[in-house]
PDB file of N, CA and C in Angstrom:
ATOM      1  N   MET A   1     100.334  60.814  71.127  1.00  0.00           N
ATOM      2  CA  MET A   1     100.891  61.884  70.326  1.00  0.00           C
ATOM      3  C   MET A   1     101.921  62.653  71.155  1.00  0.00           C
ATOM      4  N   THR A   2     103.000  62.993  70.495  1.00  0.00           N
ATOM      5  CA  THR A   2     104.001  63.843  71.136  1.00  0.00           C
ATOM      6  C   THR A   2     104.031  65.182  70.416  1.00  0.00           C
ATOM      7  N   ARG A   3     104.236  66.263  71.177  1.00  0.00           N
ATOM      8  CA  ARG A   3     104.230  67.609  70.624  1.00  0.00           C
ATOM      9  C   ARG A   3     105.642  68.024  70.249  1.00  0.00           C
ATOM     10  N   HIS A   4     105.756  68.687  69.091  1.00  0.00           N
ATOM     11  CA  HIS A   4     107.037  69.194  68.617  1.00  0.00           C
ATOM     12  C   HIS A   4     106.824  70.558  67.993  1.00  0.00           C
ATOM     13  N   ALA A   5     107.761  71.474  68.238  1.00  0.00           N
ATOM     14  CA  ALA A   5     107.696  72.810  67.651  1.00  0.00           C
ATOM     15  C   ALA A   5     108.655  72.875  66.467  1.00  0.00           C
ATOM     16  N   LEU A   6     108.178  73.433  65.371  1.00  0.00           N
ATOM     17  CA  LEU A   6     108.989  73.612  64.169  1.00  0.00           C
ATOM     18  C   LEU A   6     108.964  75.084  63.781  1.00  0.00           C
ATOM     19  N   SER A   7     110.077  75.557  63.261  1.00  0.00           N
ATOM     20  CA  SER A   7     110.158  76.916  62.749  1.00  0.00           C
ATOM     21  C   SER A   7     110.716  76.842  61.342  1.00  0.00           C
ATOM     22  N   MET A   8     110.067  77.543  60.405  1.00  0.00           N
ATOM     23  CA  MET A   8     110.532  77.486  59.022  1.00  0.00           C
ATOM     24  C   MET A   8     110.379  78.836  58.340  1.00  0.00           C
ATOM     25  N   VAL A   9     111.144  78.993  57.274  1.00  0.00           N
ATOM     26  CA  VAL A   9     111.063  80.173  56.426  1.00  0.00           C
ATOM     27  C   VAL A   9     110.551  79.701  55.069  1.00  0.00           C
ATOM     28  N   LEU A  10     109.458  80.330  54.621  1.00  0.00           N
ATOM     29  CA  LEU A  10     108.808  79.969  53.357  1.00  0.00           C
ATOM     30  C   LEU A  10     108.900  81.118  52.368  1.00  0.00           C
ATOM     31  N   ARG A  11     108.963  80.769  51.102  1.00  0.00           N
ATOM     32  CA  ARG A  11     108.821  81.799  50.067  1.00  0.00           C
ATOM     33  C   ARG A  11     107.423  82.370  50.180  1.00  0.00           C
ATOM     34  N   ASN A  12     107.302  83.655  50.020  1.00  0.00           N
ATOM     35  CA  ASN A  12     106.011  84.329  50.137  1.00  0.00           C
ATOM     36  C   ASN A  12     105.311  84.332  48.782  1.00  0.00           C
ATOM     37  N   VAL A  13     104.814  83.159  48.387  1.00  0.00           N
ATOM     38  CA  VAL A  13     104.133  82.983  47.107  1.00  0.00           C
ATOM     39  C   VAL A  13     102.806  82.251  47.334  1.00  0.00           C
ATOM     40  N   PRO A  14     101.845  82.455  46.429  1.00  0.00           N
ATOM     41  CA  PRO A  14     100.572  81.737  46.568  1.00  0.00           C
ATOM     42  C   PRO A  14     100.783  80.218  46.548  1.00  0.00           C
ATOM     43  N   GLY A  15     100.132  79.526  47.463  1.00  0.00           N
ATOM     44  CA  GLY A  15     100.188  78.071  47.497  1.00  0.00           C
ATOM     45  C   GLY A  15     101.251  77.492  48.409  1.00  0.00           C
ATOM     46  N   ALA A  16     102.168  78.314  48.923  1.00  0.00           N
ATOM     47  CA  ALA A  16     103.247  77.792  49.763  1.00  0.00           C
ATOM     48  C   ALA A  16     102.689  77.161  51.044  1.00  0.00           C
ATOM     49  N   LEU A  17     101.812  77.867  51.730  1.00  0.00           N
ATOM     50  CA  LEU A  17     101.215  77.336  52.957  1.00  0.00           C
ATOM     51  C   LEU A  17     100.399  76.084  52.656  1.00  0.00           C
ATOM     52  N   SER A  18      99.690  76.094  51.553  1.00  0.00           N
ATOM     53  CA  SER A  18      98.876  74.945  51.159  1.00  0.00           C
ATOM     54  C   SER A  18      99.732  73.688  50.989  1.00  0.00           C
ATOM     55  N   ARG A  19     100.888  73.823  50.351  1.00  0.00           N
ATOM     56  CA  ARG A  19     101.761  72.661  50.145  1.00  0.00           C
ATOM     57  C   ARG A  19     102.281  72.097  51.464  1.00  0.00           C
ATOM     58  N   VAL A  20     102.575  72.979  52.423  1.00  0.00           N
ATOM     59  CA  VAL A  20     103.025  72.522  53.742  1.00  0.00           C
ATOM     60  C   VAL A  20     101.895  71.786  54.454  1.00  0.00           C
ATOM     61  N   VAL A  21     100.700  72.337  54.425  1.00  0.00           N
ATOM     62  CA  VAL A  21      99.551  71.728  55.102  1.00  0.00           C
ATOM     63  C   VAL A  21      99.192  70.380  54.470  1.00  0.00           C
ATOM     64  N   VAL A  22      99.286  70.272  53.155  1.00  0.00           N
ATOM     65  CA  VAL A  22      99.018  68.997  52.486  1.00  0.00           C
ATOM     66  C   VAL A  22     100.038  67.945  52.926  1.00  0.00           C
ATOM     67  N   LEU A  23     101.300  68.339  53.070  1.00  0.00           N
ATOM     68  CA  LEU A  23     102.310  67.394  53.554  1.00  0.00           C
ATOM     69  C   LEU A  23     101.946  66.905  54.955  1.00  0.00           C
ATOM     70  N   PHE A  24     101.553  67.838  55.830  1.00  0.00           N
ATOM     71  CA  PHE A  24     101.132  67.446  57.179  1.00  0.00           C
ATOM     72  C   PHE A  24      99.967  66.461  57.113  1.00  0.00           C
ATOM     73  N   SER A  25      98.987  66.774  56.306  1.00  0.00           N
ATOM     74  CA  SER A  25      97.784  65.954  56.203  1.00  0.00           C
ATOM     75  C   SER A  25      98.090  64.546  55.699  1.00  0.00           C
ATOM     76  N   THR A  26      98.881  64.449  54.650  1.00  0.00           N
ATOM     77  CA  THR A  26      99.169  63.133  54.076  1.00  0.00           C
ATOM     78  C   THR A  26     100.066  62.288  54.972  1.00  0.00           C
ATOM     79  N   ARG A  27     100.798  62.928  55.891  1.00  0.00           N
ATOM     80  CA  ARG A  27     101.689  62.197  56.807  1.00  0.00           C
ATOM     81  C   ARG A  27     101.044  61.919  58.159  1.00  0.00           C
ATOM     82  N   GLY A  28      99.786  62.317  58.328  1.00  0.00           N
ATOM     83  CA  GLY A  28      99.078  62.057  59.579  1.00  0.00           C
ATOM     84  C   GLY A  28      99.555  62.909  60.733  1.00  0.00           C
ATOM     85  N   VAL A  29      99.963  64.142  60.431  1.00  0.00           N
ATOM     86  CA  VAL A  29     100.469  65.061  61.450  1.00  0.00           C
ATOM     87  C   VAL A  29      99.338  65.988  61.874  1.00  0.00           C
ATOM     88  N   ASP A  30      99.114  66.096  63.186  1.00  0.00           N
ATOM     89  CA  ASP A  30      98.100  67.004  63.713  1.00  0.00           C
ATOM     90  C   ASP A  30      98.730  68.372  63.955  1.00  0.00           C
ATOM     91  N   VAL A  31      98.137  69.420  63.404  1.00  0.00           N
ATOM     92  CA  VAL A  31      98.607  70.783  63.641  1.00  0.00           C
ATOM     93  C   VAL A  31      97.863  71.322  64.852  1.00  0.00           C
ATOM     94  N   GLU A  32      98.602  71.632  65.913  1.00  0.00           N
ATOM     95  CA  GLU A  32      97.989  72.142  67.132  1.00  0.00           C
ATOM     96  C   GLU A  32      97.997  73.662  67.177  1.00  0.00           C
ATOM     97  N   SER A  33      99.039  74.273  66.596  1.00  0.00           N
ATOM     98  CA  SER A  33      99.152  75.718  66.589  1.00  0.00           C
ATOM     99  C   SER A  33      99.969  76.120  65.371  1.00  0.00           C
ATOM    100  N   LEU A  34      99.561  77.234  64.734  1.00  0.00           N
ATOM    101  CA  LEU A  34     100.264  77.691  63.541  1.00  0.00           C
ATOM    102  C   LEU A  34     100.271  79.215  63.519  1.00  0.00           C
ATOM    103  N   SER A  35     101.449  79.777  63.254  1.00  0.00           N
ATOM    104  CA  SER A  35     101.589  81.219  63.138  1.00  0.00           C
ATOM    105  C   SER A  35     102.429  81.516  61.903  1.00  0.00           C
ATOM    106  N   LEU A  36     101.945  82.410  61.054  1.00  0.00           N
ATOM    107  CA  LEU A  36     102.638  82.754  59.808  1.00  0.00           C
ATOM    108  C   LEU A  36     102.675  84.268  59.685  1.00  0.00           C
ATOM    109  N   ASP A  37     103.883  84.830  59.574  1.00  0.00           N
ATOM    110  CA  ASP A  37     104.052  86.273  59.450  1.00  0.00           C
ATOM    111  C   ASP A  37     105.089  86.593  58.392  1.00  0.00           C
ATOM    112  N   PRO A  38     104.868  87.665  57.619  1.00  0.00           N
ATOM    113  CA  PRO A  38     105.890  88.081  56.652  1.00  0.00           C
ATOM    114  C   PRO A  38     107.108  88.642  57.385  1.00  0.00           C
ATOM    115  N   THR A  39     108.265  88.507  56.767  1.00  0.00           N
ATOM    116  CA  THR A  39     109.491  89.058  57.347  1.00  0.00           C
ATOM    117  C   THR A  39     109.726  90.450  56.776  1.00  0.00           C
ATOM    118  N   GLU A  40     110.780  91.109  57.245  1.00  0.00           N
ATOM    119  CA  GLU A  40     111.117  92.440  56.749  1.00  0.00           C
ATOM    120  C   GLU A  40     111.500  92.414  55.275  1.00  0.00           C
ATOM    121  N   ARG A  41     112.043  91.280  54.823  1.00  0.00           N
ATOM    122  CA  ARG A  41     112.464  91.163  53.421  1.00  0.00           C
ATOM    123  C   ARG A  41     111.279  91.221  52.474  1.00  0.00           C
ATOM    124  N   GLY A  42     110.134  90.704  52.888  1.00  0.00           N
ATOM    125  CA  GLY A  42     108.944  90.751  52.053  1.00  0.00           C
ATOM    126  C   GLY A  42     108.779  89.569  51.108  1.00  0.00           C
ATOM    127  N   ASP A  43     109.880  88.953  50.682  1.00  0.00           N
ATOM    128  CA  ASP A  43     109.762  87.821  49.753  1.00  0.00           C
ATOM    129  C   ASP A  43     109.691  86.484  50.475  1.00  0.00           C
ATOM    130  N   VAL A  44     109.850  86.499  51.808  1.00  0.00           N
ATOM    131  CA  VAL A  44     109.742  85.274  52.603  1.00  0.00           C
ATOM    132  C   VAL A  44     108.890  85.538  53.844  1.00  0.00           C
ATOM    133  N   SER A  45     108.321  84.466  54.377  1.00  0.00           N
ATOM    134  CA  SER A  45     107.531  84.527  55.608  1.00  0.00           C
ATOM    135  C   SER A  45     108.071  83.503  56.590  1.00  0.00           C
ATOM    136  N   ARG A  46     107.879  83.781  57.868  1.00  0.00           N
ATOM    137  CA  ARG A  46     108.291  82.839  58.904  1.00  0.00           C
ATOM    138  C   ARG A  46     107.055  82.124  59.428  1.00  0.00           C
ATOM    139  N   MET A  47     107.183  80.811  59.546  1.00  0.00           N
ATOM    140  CA  MET A  47     106.072  79.999  60.035  1.00  0.00           C
ATOM    141  C   MET A  47     106.536  79.218  61.257  1.00  0.00           C
ATOM    142  N   ASP A  48     105.814  79.385  62.348  1.00  0.00           N
ATOM    143  CA  ASP A  48     106.048  78.609  63.565  1.00  0.00           C
ATOM    144  C   ASP A  48     104.842  77.713  63.763  1.00  0.00           C
ATOM    145  N   VAL A  49     105.096  76.438  64.004  1.00  0.00           N
ATOM    146  CA  VAL A  49     104.000  75.483  64.106  1.00  0.00           C
ATOM    147  C   VAL A  49     104.306  74.470  65.211  1.00  0.00           C
ATOM    148  N   VAL A  50     103.265  74.113  65.945  1.00  0.00           N
ATOM    149  CA  VAL A  50     103.358  73.032  66.931  1.00  0.00           C
ATOM    150  C   VAL A  50     102.545  71.881  66.367  1.00  0.00           C
ATOM    151  N   VAL A  51     103.193  70.736  66.234  1.00  0.00           N
ATOM    152  CA  VAL A  51     102.540  69.579  65.633  1.00  0.00           C
ATOM    153  C   VAL A  51     102.511  68.420  66.622  1.00  0.00           C
ATOM    154  N   GLY A  52     101.536  67.554  66.429  1.00  0.00           N
ATOM    155  CA  GLY A  52     101.459  66.316  67.179  1.00  0.00           C
ATOM    156  C   GLY A  52     101.843  65.168  66.272  1.00  0.00           C
ATOM    157  N   LEU A  53     102.847  64.411  66.685  1.00  0.00           N
ATOM    158  CA  LEU A  53     103.301  63.266  65.897  1.00  0.00           C
ATOM    159  C   LEU A  53     102.929  61.978  66.608  1.00  0.00           C
ATOM    160  N   PRO A  54     102.619  60.932  65.854  1.00  0.00           N
ATOM    161  CA  PRO A  54     102.335  59.644  66.478  1.00  0.00           C
ATOM    162  C   PRO A  54     103.538  59.177  67.307  1.00  0.00           C
ATOM    163  N   ALA A  55     103.269  58.439  68.361  1.00  0.00           N
ATOM    164  CA  ALA A  55     104.342  57.941  69.233  1.00  0.00           C
ATOM    165  C   ALA A  55     105.386  57.182  68.423  1.00  0.00           C
ATOM    166  N   GLY A  56     106.641  57.433  68.716  1.00  0.00           N
ATOM    167  CA  GLY A  56     107.720  56.755  68.027  1.00  0.00           C
ATOM    168  C   GLY A  56     108.167  57.428  66.746  1.00  0.00           C
ATOM    169  N   ARG A  57     107.482  58.476  66.335  1.00  0.00           N
ATOM    170  CA  ARG A  57     107.848  59.184  65.098  1.00  0.00           C
ATOM    171  C   ARG A  57     108.732  60.367  65.436  1.00  0.00           C
ATOM    172  N   SER A  58     109.860  60.458  64.769  1.00  0.00           N
ATOM    173  CA  SER A  58     110.841  61.502  65.026  1.00  0.00           C
ATOM    174  C   SER A  58     110.504  62.768  64.239  1.00  0.00           C
ATOM    175  N   PRO A  59     110.704  63.948  64.837  1.00  0.00           N
ATOM    176  CA  PRO A  59     110.497  65.179  64.073  1.00  0.00           C
ATOM    177  C   PRO A  59     111.564  65.354  62.987  1.00  0.00           C
ATOM    178  N   ASP A  60     112.684  64.660  63.111  1.00  0.00           N
ATOM    179  CA  ASP A  60     113.753  64.761  62.111  1.00  0.00           C
ATOM    180  C   ASP A  60     113.264  64.341  60.730  1.00  0.00           C
ATOM    181  N   GLN A  61     112.463  63.300  60.674  1.00  0.00           N
ATOM    182  CA  GLN A  61     111.928  62.836  59.400  1.00  0.00           C
ATOM    183  C   GLN A  61     111.016  63.906  58.779  1.00  0.00           C
ATOM    184  N   LEU A  62     110.203  64.535  59.600  1.00  0.00           N
ATOM    185  CA  LEU A  62     109.311  65.584  59.114  1.00  0.00           C
ATOM    186  C   LEU A  62     110.116  66.791  58.625  1.00  0.00           C
ATOM    187  N   VAL A  63     111.182  67.137  59.330  1.00  0.00           N
ATOM    188  CA  VAL A  63     112.045  68.253  58.920  1.00  0.00           C
ATOM    189  C   VAL A  63     112.641  67.965  57.542  1.00  0.00           C
ATOM    190  N   LYS A  64     113.096  66.755  57.313  1.00  0.00           N
ATOM    191  CA  LYS A  64     113.670  66.383  56.009  1.00  0.00           C
ATOM    192  C   LYS A  64     112.623  66.463  54.905  1.00  0.00           C
ATOM    193  N   GLN A  65     111.411  66.000  55.195  1.00  0.00           N
ATOM    194  CA  GLN A  65     110.346  66.039  54.199  1.00  0.00           C
ATOM    195  C   GLN A  65     109.958  67.477  53.864  1.00  0.00           C
ATOM    196  N   LEU A  66     109.882  68.327  54.883  1.00  0.00           N
ATOM    197  CA  LEU A  66     109.540  69.728  54.660  1.00  0.00           C
ATOM    198  C   LEU A  66     110.635  70.441  53.863  1.00  0.00           C
ATOM    199  N   SER A  67     111.886  70.126  54.137  1.00  0.00           N
ATOM    200  CA  SER A  67     112.987  70.806  53.449  1.00  0.00           C
ATOM    201  C   SER A  67     113.030  70.468  51.961  1.00  0.00           C
ATOM    202  N   ARG A  68     112.372  69.394  51.567  1.00  0.00           N
ATOM    203  CA  ARG A  68     112.320  69.028  50.140  1.00  0.00           C
ATOM    204  C   ARG A  68     111.296  69.842  49.355  1.00  0.00           C
ATOM    205  N   LEU A  69     110.384  70.514  50.047  1.00  0.00           N
ATOM    206  CA  LEU A  69     109.396  71.339  49.356  1.00  0.00           C
ATOM    207  C   LEU A  69     110.088  72.569  48.767  1.00  0.00           C
ATOM    208  N   VAL A  70     109.733  72.900  47.546  1.00  0.00           N
ATOM    209  CA  VAL A  70     110.397  73.980  46.823  1.00  0.00           C
ATOM    210  C   VAL A  70     110.220  75.342  47.504  1.00  0.00           C
ATOM    211  N   ASP A  71     109.109  75.566  48.172  1.00  0.00           N
ATOM    212  CA  ASP A  71     108.850  76.860  48.798  1.00  0.00           C
ATOM    213  C   ASP A  71     109.440  77.002  50.197  1.00  0.00           C
ATOM    214  N   VAL A  72     109.974  75.930  50.760  1.00  0.00           N
ATOM    215  CA  VAL A  72     110.556  75.978  52.098  1.00  0.00           C
ATOM    216  C   VAL A  72     112.046  76.289  51.967  1.00  0.00           C
ATOM    217  N   LYS A  73     112.443  77.444  52.505  1.00  0.00           N
ATOM    218  CA  LYS A  73     113.845  77.855  52.443  1.00  0.00           C
ATOM    219  C   LYS A  73     114.666  77.214  53.560  1.00  0.00           C
ATOM    220  N   SER A  74     114.094  77.124  54.757  1.00  0.00           N
ATOM    221  CA  SER A  74     114.774  76.471  55.881  1.00  0.00           C
ATOM    222  C   SER A  74     113.729  75.988  56.874  1.00  0.00           C
ATOM    223  N   VAL A  75     114.085  74.948  57.603  1.00  0.00           N
ATOM    224  CA  VAL A  75     113.192  74.398  58.625  1.00  0.00           C
ATOM    225  C   VAL A  75     114.035  73.771  59.726  1.00  0.00           C
ATOM    226  N   VAL A  76     113.647  74.013  60.978  1.00  0.00           N
ATOM    227  CA  VAL A  76     114.343  73.441  62.123  1.00  0.00           C
ATOM    228  C   VAL A  76     113.314  73.006  63.162  1.00  0.00           C
ATOM    229  N   ALA A  77     113.661  71.945  63.869  1.00  0.00           N
ATOM    230  CA  ALA A  77     112.870  71.530  65.023  1.00  0.00           C
ATOM    231  C   ALA A  77     113.394  72.334  66.206  1.00  0.00           C
ATOM    232  N   VAL A  78     112.509  73.018  66.900  1.00  0.00           N
ATOM    233  CA  VAL A  78     112.904  73.866  68.017  1.00  0.00           C
ATOM    234  C   VAL A  78     113.042  72.990  69.258  1.00  0.00           C
ATOM    235  N   ALA A  79     114.250  72.942  69.778  1.00  0.00           N
ATOM    236  CA  ALA A  79     114.520  72.137  70.986  1.00  0.00           C
ATOM    237  C   ALA A  79     114.419  73.032  72.205  1.00  0.00           C
ATOM    238  N   ASP A  80     113.183  73.332  72.596  1.00  0.00           N
ATOM    239  CA  ASP A  80     112.935  74.222  73.712  1.00  0.00           C
ATOM    240  C   ASP A  80     112.147  73.466  74.778  1.00  0.00           C
ATOM    241  N   PRO A  81     112.696  73.359  75.975  1.00  0.00           N
ATOM    242  CA  PRO A  81     111.972  72.627  77.030  1.00  0.00           C
ATOM    243  C   PRO A  81     110.603  73.220  77.328  1.00  0.00           C
ATOM    244  N   ALA A  82     110.389  74.484  77.032  1.00  0.00           N
ATOM    245  CA  ALA A  82     109.106  75.129  77.305  1.00  0.00           C
ATOM    246  C   ALA A  82     108.128  74.990  76.152  1.00  0.00           C
ATOM    247  N   ARG A  83     108.465  74.189  75.150  1.00  0.00           N
ATOM    248  CA  ARG A  83     107.600  74.088  73.968  1.00  0.00           C
ATOM    249  C   ARG A  83     106.230  73.537  74.286  1.00  0.00           C
ATOM    250  N   ASP A  84     106.082  72.838  75.433  1.00  0.00           N
ATOM    251  CA  ASP A  84     104.760  72.353  75.812  1.00  0.00           C
ATOM    252  C   ASP A  84     103.811  73.517  76.110  1.00  0.00           C
ATOM    253  N   GLN A  85     104.366  74.700  76.364  1.00  0.00           N
ATOM    254  CA  GLN A  85     103.544  75.861  76.630  1.00  0.00           C
ATOM    255  C   GLN A  85     103.141  76.581  75.358  1.00  0.00           C
ATOM    256  N   ILE A  86     103.812  76.292  74.234  1.00  0.00           N
ATOM    257  CA  ILE A  86     103.502  76.937  72.972  1.00  0.00           C
ATOM    258  C   ILE A  86     102.118  76.501  72.519  1.00  0.00           C
ATOM    259  N   GLY A  87     101.292  77.443  72.232  1.00  0.00           N
ATOM    260  CA  GLY A  87      99.961  77.145  71.745  1.00  0.00           C
ATOM    261  C   GLY A  87      98.992  76.724  72.825  1.00  0.00           C
ATOM    262  N   ALA A  88      99.434  76.731  74.074  1.00  0.00           N
ATOM    263  CA  ALA A  88      98.551  76.330  75.175  1.00  0.00           C
ATOM    264  C   ALA A  88      97.709  77.479  75.646  1.00  0.00           C
TER     265      ALA A  88
END
């Protein structure tokens, strides 16, 4: 498994987090760390997550799949060399 950090903005509606977690589950993605906080706007929340992907699987594919969810406003893979420390 390789670790990857993702940051996304979600609509602040019931079921939004559930839809993201179901996508992770059906794709065989291990969630190692998850943080979800409302933003100042109130209608959206920011979610930071560290996931474990099977060897050879690119986070780009997961970013594309997440961006197709109706409640996900934006999603990016965080390219931070210190990401191995996130959630540790």
